């Protein structure tokens, strides 16, 4: 049984993800760069999927990939991680590591969880970067010192809510493009992941929704950071806002 289909293509995908990572996360990416990179990496993932046969996909083992938060309390990514998993056709849950810190576990095909881990890191870094910029604005300065913790949390919540909404829209566009191939890759991958996930026998609980006090001013500022950029999520078209990445990709980086 071929348990590692098309390893050369998978290695190429991982190499390009690392190249995008160096251009964004390591340099303090903006919202614009984060979502553009998300669209680019989705295009590469879809290209990889299309290079596989249905047999390759069925024989590929599902795996898990952890994203460590290094925090015991929830972080802004918590409100976006479900959209990341949806975008990457995988499952996700939150658990505690041995140090009592939270981490997210992505479960699915190896290529999908690699991308999900990358996007989680990318969005986490983007929120921190944009929050840092927000703290230098006149609007933030108007908050009293005792209210700034609330402003920080509200801004981050508004931003990840906007990113999650965009990822869902981008996923819908990706699926529409992929369905045009007539192969039903999304349905196939979903059925495989669901079957393998069921075998884990996990007893997961849905997180309870708790009321939060939110500063609407800061929340809306975060929403602006997430919605001011008009992204066409279509995959494989020059108008998708990815021209600055394509030139590099054509050179094999």
C-alpha atoms as a PDB file:
ATOM      1  CA  UNK A   1       0.000   0.000   0.000  1.00  0.00           C
ATOM      2  CA  UNK A   2       1.283   3.425  -0.916  1.00  0.00           C
ATOM      3  CA  UNK A   3       0.901   5.268   2.389  1.00  0.00           C
ATOM      4  CA  UNK A   4       2.790   8.386   1.292  1.00  0.00           C
ATOM      5  CA  UNK A   5       1.454   9.347  -2.135  1.00  0.00           C
ATOM      6  CA  UNK A   6       3.255  11.905  -4.240  1.00  0.00           C
ATOM      7  CA  UNK A   7       5.898  12.768  -1.654  1.00  0.00           C
ATOM      8  CA  UNK A   8       7.798  14.962  -4.088  1.00  0.00           C
ATOM      9  CA  UNK A   9       4.758  17.197  -4.577  1.00  0.00           C
ATOM     10  CA  UNK A  10       4.102  17.247  -0.834  1.00  0.00           C
ATOM     11  CA  UNK A  11       7.688  18.291  -0.140  1.00  0.00           C
ATOM     12  CA  UNK A  12       7.353  21.040  -2.762  1.00  0.00           C
ATOM     13  CA  UNK A  13       4.151  22.246  -1.075  1.00  0.00           C
ATOM     14  CA  UNK A  14       5.826  22.346   2.338  1.00  0.00           C
ATOM     15  CA  UNK A  15       8.835  24.200   0.920  1.00  0.00           C
ATOM     16  CA  UNK A  16       6.606  26.873  -0.599  1.00  0.00           C
ATOM     17  CA  UNK A  17       4.658  27.203   2.637  1.00  0.00           C
ATOM     18  CA  UNK A  18       7.930  27.865   4.443  1.00  0.00           C
ATOM     19  CA  UNK A  19       8.837  30.485   1.839  1.00  0.00           C
ATOM     20  CA  UNK A  20       5.512  32.256   2.412  1.00  0.00           C
ATOM     21  CA  UNK A  21       6.027  31.971   6.152  1.00  0.00           C
ATOM     22  CA  UNK A  22       9.349  33.794   5.876  1.00  0.00           C
ATOM     23  CA  UNK A  23       7.691  36.628   3.944  1.00  0.00           C
ATOM     24  CA  UNK A  24       4.852  37.105   6.411  1.00  0.00           C
ATOM     25  CA  UNK A  25       5.046  35.681   9.933  1.00  0.00           C
ATOM     26  CA  UNK A  26       8.738  36.341  10.485  1.00  0.00           C
ATOM     27  CA  UNK A  27       8.360  39.931   9.269  1.00  0.00           C
ATOM     28  CA  UNK A  28       5.222  40.891  11.185  1.00  0.00           C
ATOM     29  CA  UNK A  29       2.524  40.439   8.568  1.00  0.00           C
ATOM     30  CA  UNK A  30      -0.432  42.720   8.070  1.00  0.00           C
ATOM     31  CA  UNK A  31      -4.045  41.635   7.596  1.00  0.00           C
ATOM     32  CA  UNK A  32      -3.614  42.174   3.852  1.00  0.00           C
ATOM     33  CA  UNK A  33      -0.546  39.938   3.701  1.00  0.00           C
ATOM     34  CA  UNK A  34      -2.082  37.265   5.926  1.00  0.00           C
ATOM     35  CA  UNK A  35      -5.185  36.813   3.795  1.00  0.00           C
ATOM     36  CA  UNK A  36      -3.255  37.054   0.539  1.00  0.00           C
ATOM     37  CA  UNK A  37      -0.921  34.337   1.803  1.00  0.00           C
ATOM     38  CA  UNK A  38      -3.934  32.259   2.857  1.00  0.00           C
ATOM     39  CA  UNK A  39      -5.353  32.457  -0.650  1.00  0.00           C
ATOM     40  CA  UNK A  40      -1.974  31.613  -2.155  1.00  0.00           C
ATOM     41  CA  UNK A  41      -1.416  28.603   0.040  1.00  0.00           C
ATOM     42  CA  UNK A  42      -4.954  27.412  -0.736  1.00  0.00           C
ATOM     43  CA  UNK A  43      -4.124  27.553  -4.425  1.00  0.00           C
ATOM     44  CA  UNK A  44      -1.006  25.456  -3.846  1.00  0.00           C
ATOM     45  CA  UNK A  45      -2.974  22.969  -1.750  1.00  0.00           C
ATOM     46  CA  UNK A  46      -5.640  22.589  -4.424  1.00  0.00           C
ATOM     47  CA  UNK A  47      -2.943  22.115  -7.049  1.00  0.00           C
ATOM     48  CA  UNK A  48      -1.433  19.360  -4.892  1.00  0.00           C
ATOM     49  CA  UNK A  49      -4.831  17.671  -4.405  1.00  0.00           C
ATOM     50  CA  UNK A  50      -5.475  17.677  -8.130  1.00  0.00           C
ATOM     51  CA  UNK A  51      -2.133  15.927  -8.675  1.00  0.00           C
ATOM     52  CA  UNK A  52      -3.384  12.939  -6.642  1.00  0.00           C
ATOM     53  CA  UNK A  53      -5.612  10.129  -7.803  1.00  0.00           C
ATOM     54  CA  UNK A  54      -8.650   9.132  -5.769  1.00  0.00           C
ATOM     55  CA  UNK A  55      -6.750   5.997  -4.751  1.00  0.00           C
ATOM     56  CA  UNK A  56      -3.849   8.117  -3.497  1.00  0.00           C
ATOM     57  CA  UNK A  57      -6.224  10.148  -1.336  1.00  0.00           C
ATOM     58  CA  UNK A  58      -8.003   7.083   0.030  1.00  0.00           C
ATOM     59  CA  UNK A  59      -4.705   5.424   0.946  1.00  0.00           C
ATOM     60  CA  UNK A  60      -3.162   8.512   2.548  1.00  0.00           C
ATOM     61  CA  UNK A  61      -3.280   8.180   6.358  1.00  0.00           C
ATOM     62  CA  UNK A  62      -4.908  10.862   8.478  1.00  0.00           C
ATOM     63  CA  UNK A  63      -2.586  12.490  10.987  1.00  0.00           C
ATOM     64  CA  UNK A  64      -2.660  15.101  13.742  1.00  0.00           C
ATOM     65  CA  UNK A  65      -0.710  18.355  13.987  1.00  0.00           C
ATOM     66  CA  UNK A  66      -0.621  20.435  17.168  1.00  0.00           C
ATOM     67  CA  UNK A  67      -0.492  24.206  17.354  1.00  0.00           C
ATOM     68  CA  UNK A  68       0.801  25.261  20.752  1.00  0.00           C
ATOM     69  CA  UNK A  69      -0.503  28.531  22.183  1.00  0.00           C
ATOM     70  CA  UNK A  70       1.881  28.624  25.182  1.00  0.00           C
ATOM     71  CA  UNK A  71      -1.013  30.146  27.115  1.00  0.00           C
ATOM     72  CA  UNK A  72      -3.347  28.719  29.748  1.00  0.00           C
ATOM     73  CA  UNK A  73      -6.089  31.152  28.836  1.00  0.00           C
ATOM     74  CA  UNK A  74      -7.890  31.458  25.517  1.00  0.00           C
ATOM     75  CA  UNK A  75      -6.304  33.537  22.780  1.00  0.00           C
ATOM     76  CA  UNK A  76      -8.005  35.436  19.908  1.00  0.00           C
ATOM     77  CA  UNK A  77      -7.284  32.567  17.495  1.00  0.00           C
ATOM     78  CA  UNK A  78      -9.840  30.516  19.444  1.00  0.00           C
ATOM     79  CA  UNK A  79     -12.627  32.379  17.657  1.00  0.00           C
ATOM     80  CA  UNK A  80     -11.146  31.666  14.227  1.00  0.00           C
ATOM     81  CA  UNK A  81      -9.617  28.204  14.450  1.00  0.00           C
ATOM     82  CA  UNK A  82     -12.853  26.481  13.397  1.00  0.00           C
ATOM     83  CA  UNK A  83     -12.868  28.500  10.169  1.00  0.00           C
ATOM     84  CA  UNK A  84      -9.216  27.534   9.593  1.00  0.00           C
ATOM     85  CA  UNK A  85     -10.088  23.831   9.903  1.00  0.00           C
ATOM     86  CA  UNK A  86     -13.093  24.275   7.604  1.00  0.00           C
ATOM     87  CA  UNK A  87     -10.919  26.094   5.068  1.00  0.00           C
ATOM     88  CA  UNK A  88      -8.444  23.185   5.102  1.00  0.00           C
ATOM     89  CA  UNK A  89     -10.931  20.267   5.083  1.00  0.00           C
ATOM     90  CA  UNK A  90      -9.800  18.965   8.457  1.00  0.00           C
ATOM     91  CA  UNK A  91     -11.028  18.672  12.050  1.00  0.00           C
ATOM     92  CA  UNK A  92      -9.803  20.643  15.047  1.00  0.00           C
ATOM     93  CA  UNK A  93     -10.182  20.493  18.798  1.00  0.00           C
ATOM     94  CA  UNK A  94      -8.610  22.176  21.803  1.00  0.00           C
ATOM     95  CA  UNK A  95      -6.837  20.294  24.566  1.00  0.00           C
ATOM     96  CA  UNK A  96      -4.317  20.868  27.360  1.00  0.00           C
ATOM     97  CA  UNK A  97      -0.682  19.866  27.052  1.00  0.00           C
ATOM     98  CA  UNK A  98       1.358  18.483  29.950  1.00  0.00           C
ATOM     99  CA  UNK A  99       2.122  22.004  31.168  1.00  0.00           C
ATOM    100  CA  UNK A 100      -1.592  22.823  31.373  1.00  0.00           C
ATOM    101  CA  UNK A 101      -1.382  25.131  28.355  1.00  0.00           C
ATOM    102  CA  UNK A 102      -3.970  25.120  25.591  1.00  0.00           C
ATOM    103  CA  UNK A 103      -3.189  23.809  22.157  1.00  0.00           C
ATOM    104  CA  UNK A 104      -5.206  23.178  19.023  1.00  0.00           C
ATOM    105  CA  UNK A 105      -5.046  19.787  17.334  1.00  0.00           C
ATOM    106  CA  UNK A 106      -5.715  19.631  13.600  1.00  0.00           C
ATOM    107  CA  UNK A 107      -6.658  16.181  12.251  1.00  0.00           C
ATOM    108  CA  UNK A 108      -6.820  15.234   8.598  1.00  0.00           C
ATOM    109  CA  UNK A 109      -4.696  14.486   5.549  1.00  0.00           C
ATOM    110  CA  UNK A 110      -1.068  15.491   5.956  1.00  0.00           C
ATOM    111  CA  UNK A 111      -1.116  18.260   3.360  1.00  0.00           C
ATOM    112  CA  UNK A 112      -4.271  19.782   4.859  1.00  0.00           C
ATOM    113  CA  UNK A 113      -3.045  19.851   8.448  1.00  0.00           C
ATOM    114  CA  UNK A 114       0.285  21.345   7.358  1.00  0.00           C
ATOM    115  CA  UNK A 115      -1.611  24.221   5.765  1.00  0.00           C
ATOM    116  CA  UNK A 116      -3.964  24.537   8.756  1.00  0.00           C
ATOM    117  CA  UNK A 117      -1.008  24.820  11.142  1.00  0.00           C
ATOM    118  CA  UNK A 118       0.578  27.450   8.906  1.00  0.00           C
ATOM    119  CA  UNK A 119      -2.626  29.492   8.733  1.00  0.00           C
ATOM    120  CA  UNK A 120      -3.128  29.284  12.496  1.00  0.00           C
ATOM    121  CA  UNK A 121       0.369  30.642  13.028  1.00  0.00           C
ATOM    122  CA  UNK A 122      -0.150  33.264  10.329  1.00  0.00           C
ATOM    123  CA  UNK A 123      -3.434  34.560  11.756  1.00  0.00           C
ATOM    124  CA  UNK A 124      -2.099  34.546  15.311  1.00  0.00           C
ATOM    125  CA  UNK A 125       0.880  36.649  14.189  1.00  0.00           C
ATOM    126  CA  UNK A 126      -1.317  38.942  12.105  1.00  0.00           C
ATOM    127  CA  UNK A 127      -3.620  39.716  15.031  1.00  0.00           C
ATOM    128  CA  UNK A 128      -0.662  40.523  17.274  1.00  0.00           C
ATOM    129  CA  UNK A 129       0.859  42.734  14.592  1.00  0.00           C
ATOM    130  CA  UNK A 130      -2.354  44.652  13.845  1.00  0.00           C
ATOM    131  CA  UNK A 131      -3.107  45.046  17.553  1.00  0.00           C
ATOM    132  CA  UNK A 132       0.318  46.602  17.983  1.00  0.00           C
ATOM    133  CA  UNK A 133      -0.511  49.097  15.245  1.00  0.00           C
ATOM    134  CA  UNK A 134      -3.910  49.838  16.781  1.00  0.00           C
ATOM    135  CA  UNK A 135      -2.255  50.710  20.088  1.00  0.00           C
ATOM    136  CA  UNK A 136      -0.437  53.583  18.351  1.00  0.00           C
ATOM    137  CA  UNK A 137      -3.633  55.199  17.047  1.00  0.00           C
ATOM    138  CA  UNK A 138      -5.449  58.225  18.398  1.00  0.00           C
ATOM    139  CA  UNK A 139      -8.587  56.135  18.865  1.00  0.00           C
ATOM    140  CA  UNK A 140      -6.777  53.779  21.210  1.00  0.00           C
ATOM    141  CA  UNK A 141      -5.259  56.686  23.145  1.00  0.00           C
ATOM    142  CA  UNK A 142      -8.769  57.870  24.036  1.00  0.00           C
ATOM    143  CA  UNK A 143      -9.366  54.749  26.134  1.00  0.00           C
ATOM    144  CA  UNK A 144      -8.698  55.171  29.835  1.00  0.00           C
ATOM    145  CA  UNK A 145      -5.846  53.058  31.154  1.00  0.00           C
ATOM    146  CA  UNK A 146      -8.226  50.737  33.016  1.00  0.00           C
ATOM    147  CA  UNK A 147     -10.243  50.151  29.831  1.00  0.00           C
ATOM    148  CA  UNK A 148      -7.372  49.236  27.544  1.00  0.00           C
ATOM    149  CA  UNK A 149      -7.431  45.518  28.319  1.00  0.00           C
ATOM    150  CA  UNK A 150     -11.066  45.479  27.156  1.00  0.00           C
ATOM    151  CA  UNK A 151     -10.105  47.486  24.070  1.00  0.00           C
ATOM    152  CA  UNK A 152      -7.343  45.008  23.222  1.00  0.00           C
ATOM    153  CA  UNK A 153      -9.653  42.002  23.530  1.00  0.00           C
ATOM    154  CA  UNK A 154     -12.438  43.710  21.582  1.00  0.00           C
ATOM    155  CA  UNK A 155     -10.145  44.706  18.720  1.00  0.00           C
ATOM    156  CA  UNK A 156      -8.753  41.168  18.443  1.00  0.00           C
ATOM    157  CA  UNK A 157     -12.245  39.656  18.529  1.00  0.00           C
ATOM    158  CA  UNK A 158     -13.457  41.963  15.787  1.00  0.00           C
ATOM    159  CA  UNK A 159     -10.450  41.137  13.656  1.00  0.00           C
ATOM    160  CA  UNK A 160     -10.640  37.337  13.944  1.00  0.00           C
ATOM    161  CA  UNK A 161     -14.387  37.430  13.328  1.00  0.00           C
ATOM    162  CA  UNK A 162     -13.692  39.272  10.081  1.00  0.00           C
ATOM    163  CA  UNK A 163     -10.925  36.836   9.102  1.00  0.00           C
ATOM    164  CA  UNK A 164     -13.153  33.840   9.860  1.00  0.00           C
ATOM    165  CA  UNK A 165     -15.897  35.274   7.658  1.00  0.00           C
ATOM    166  CA  UNK A 166     -13.430  35.777   4.817  1.00  0.00           C
ATOM    167  CA  UNK A 167     -12.002  32.269   5.138  1.00  0.00           C
ATOM    168  CA  UNK A 168     -15.514  30.814   4.858  1.00  0.00           C
ATOM    169  CA  UNK A 169     -16.165  32.912   1.733  1.00  0.00           C
ATOM    170  CA  UNK A 170     -12.799  31.929   0.245  1.00  0.00           C
ATOM    171  CA  UNK A 171     -13.569  28.270   0.960  1.00  0.00           C
ATOM    172  CA  UNK A 172     -16.876  28.523  -0.877  1.00  0.00           C
ATOM    173  CA  UNK A 173     -15.076  29.991  -3.898  1.00  0.00           C
ATOM    174  CA  UNK A 174     -12.405  27.263  -3.760  1.00  0.00           C
ATOM    175  CA  UNK A 175     -15.039  24.532  -3.627  1.00  0.00           C
ATOM    176  CA  UNK A 176     -16.847  26.011  -6.594  1.00  0.00           C
ATOM    177  CA  UNK A 177     -13.632  25.991  -8.631  1.00  0.00           C
ATOM    178  CA  UNK A 178     -12.734  22.470  -7.536  1.00  0.00           C
ATOM    179  CA  UNK A 179     -16.214  21.145  -8.308  1.00  0.00           C
ATOM    180  CA  UNK A 180     -15.704  22.218 -11.894  1.00  0.00           C
ATOM    181  CA  UNK A 181     -13.196  19.355 -12.223  1.00  0.00           C
ATOM    182  CA  UNK A 182     -16.027  16.878 -11.699  1.00  0.00           C
ATOM    183  CA  UNK A 183     -14.002  14.786  -9.240  1.00  0.00           C
ATOM    184  CA  UNK A 184     -15.764  15.668  -5.996  1.00  0.00           C
ATOM    185  CA  UNK A 185     -12.492  15.998  -4.080  1.00  0.00           C
ATOM    186  CA  UNK A 186     -14.058  17.828  -1.140  1.00  0.00           C
ATOM    187  CA  UNK A 187     -16.701  15.154  -0.609  1.00  0.00           C
ATOM    188  CA  UNK A 188     -14.089  12.414  -0.879  1.00  0.00           C
ATOM    189  CA  UNK A 189     -11.691  14.036   1.576  1.00  0.00           C
ATOM    190  CA  UNK A 190     -14.483  14.858   4.029  1.00  0.00           C
ATOM    191  CA  UNK A 191     -15.733  11.269   4.080  1.00  0.00           C
ATOM    192  CA  UNK A 192     -12.211   9.935   4.686  1.00  0.00           C
ATOM    193  CA  UNK A 193     -11.466  12.377   7.511  1.00  0.00           C
ATOM    194  CA  UNK A 194     -14.875  11.788   9.120  1.00  0.00           C
ATOM    195  CA  UNK A 195     -14.360   8.003   9.066  1.00  0.00           C
ATOM    196  CA  UNK A 196     -10.857   8.208  10.538  1.00  0.00           C
ATOM    197  CA  UNK A 197     -11.928  10.792  13.108  1.00  0.00           C
ATOM    198  CA  UNK A 198     -14.705   8.477  14.268  1.00  0.00           C
ATOM    199  CA  UNK A 199     -12.149   5.748  14.933  1.00  0.00           C
ATOM    200  CA  UNK A 200     -10.353   7.972  17.459  1.00  0.00           C
ATOM    201  CA  UNK A 201     -13.222   7.558  19.900  1.00  0.00           C
ATOM    202  CA  UNK A 202     -12.758  11.041  21.329  1.00  0.00           C
ATOM    203  CA  UNK A 203     -15.316  12.413  23.754  1.00  0.00           C
ATOM    204  CA  UNK A 204     -15.278  16.067  22.774  1.00  0.00           C
ATOM    205  CA  UNK A 205     -17.528  18.702  24.264  1.00  0.00           C
ATOM    206  CA  UNK A 206     -18.729  21.754  22.423  1.00  0.00           C
ATOM    207  CA  UNK A 207     -17.402  24.924  24.004  1.00  0.00           C
ATOM    208  CA  UNK A 208     -20.063  26.798  25.933  1.00  0.00           C
ATOM    209  CA  UNK A 209     -20.836  30.252  24.639  1.00  0.00           C
ATOM    210  CA  UNK A 210     -20.240  32.841  27.320  1.00  0.00           C
ATOM    211  CA  UNK A 211     -21.337  36.436  27.283  1.00  0.00           C
ATOM    212  CA  UNK A 212     -18.526  38.938  26.804  1.00  0.00           C
ATOM    213  CA  UNK A 213     -18.254  42.604  27.508  1.00  0.00           C
ATOM    214  CA  UNK A 214     -17.087  44.252  24.308  1.00  0.00           C
ATOM    215  CA  UNK A 215     -16.040  47.769  23.424  1.00  0.00           C
ATOM    216  CA  UNK A 216     -17.862  48.314  20.150  1.00  0.00           C
ATOM    217  CA  UNK A 217     -15.437  51.067  19.182  1.00  0.00           C
ATOM    218  CA  UNK A 218     -12.451  48.715  19.432  1.00  0.00           C
ATOM    219  CA  UNK A 219     -14.410  45.761  17.988  1.00  0.00           C
ATOM    220  CA  UNK A 220     -15.353  47.785  14.922  1.00  0.00           C
ATOM    221  CA  UNK A 221     -11.747  48.940  14.543  1.00  0.00           C
ATOM    222  CA  UNK A 222     -10.724  45.295  14.492  1.00  0.00           C
ATOM    223  CA  UNK A 223     -13.427  44.591  11.964  1.00  0.00           C
ATOM    224  CA  UNK A 224     -12.079  47.355   9.748  1.00  0.00           C
ATOM    225  CA  UNK A 225      -8.631  45.733   9.936  1.00  0.00           C
ATOM    226  CA  UNK A 226     -10.271  42.572   8.646  1.00  0.00           C
ATOM    227  CA  UNK A 227     -12.729  43.969   6.112  1.00  0.00           C
ATOM    228  CA  UNK A 228     -11.047  46.998   4.562  1.00  0.00           C
ATOM    229  CA  UNK A 229      -9.220  44.749   2.126  1.00  0.00           C
ATOM    230  CA  UNK A 230     -11.350  43.598  -0.825  1.00  0.00           C
ATOM    231  CA  UNK A 231     -10.096  40.134  -1.702  1.00  0.00           C
ATOM    232  CA  UNK A 232     -11.378  38.153  -4.636  1.00  0.00           C
ATOM    233  CA  UNK A 233     -11.011  34.621  -3.262  1.00  0.00           C
ATOM    234  CA  UNK A 234     -11.106  32.937  -6.677  1.00  0.00           C
ATOM    235  CA  UNK A 235      -8.251  30.488  -6.991  1.00  0.00           C
ATOM    236  CA  UNK A 236      -5.896  30.535  -9.928  1.00  0.00           C
ATOM    237  CA  UNK A 237      -6.841  33.943 -11.332  1.00  0.00           C
ATOM    238  CA  UNK A 238      -4.549  36.925 -11.628  1.00  0.00           C
ATOM    239  CA  UNK A 239      -7.085  39.255  -9.998  1.00  0.00           C
ATOM    240  CA  UNK A 240      -7.041  37.291  -6.734  1.00  0.00           C
ATOM    241  CA  UNK A 241      -4.682  39.786  -5.137  1.00  0.00           C
ATOM    242  CA  UNK A 242      -1.650  37.511  -5.196  1.00  0.00           C
ATOM    243  CA  UNK A 243       0.548  38.984  -7.903  1.00  0.00           C
ATOM    244  CA  UNK A 244       3.346  39.789  -5.475  1.00  0.00           C
ATOM    245  CA  UNK A 245       3.556  36.113  -4.509  1.00  0.00           C
ATOM    246  CA  UNK A 246       3.189  34.673  -8.005  1.00  0.00           C
ATOM    247  CA  UNK A 247       6.415  36.137  -9.355  1.00  0.00           C
ATOM    248  CA  UNK A 248       8.328  34.427  -6.572  1.00  0.00           C
ATOM    249  CA  UNK A 249       6.425  31.173  -7.029  1.00  0.00           C
ATOM    250  CA  UNK A 250       7.250  31.041 -10.728  1.00  0.00           C
ATOM    251  CA  UNK A 251      10.897  31.140  -9.752  1.00  0.00           C
ATOM    252  CA  UNK A 252      10.378  28.047  -7.607  1.00  0.00           C
ATOM    253  CA  UNK A 253      10.611  29.796  -4.195  1.00  0.00           C
END
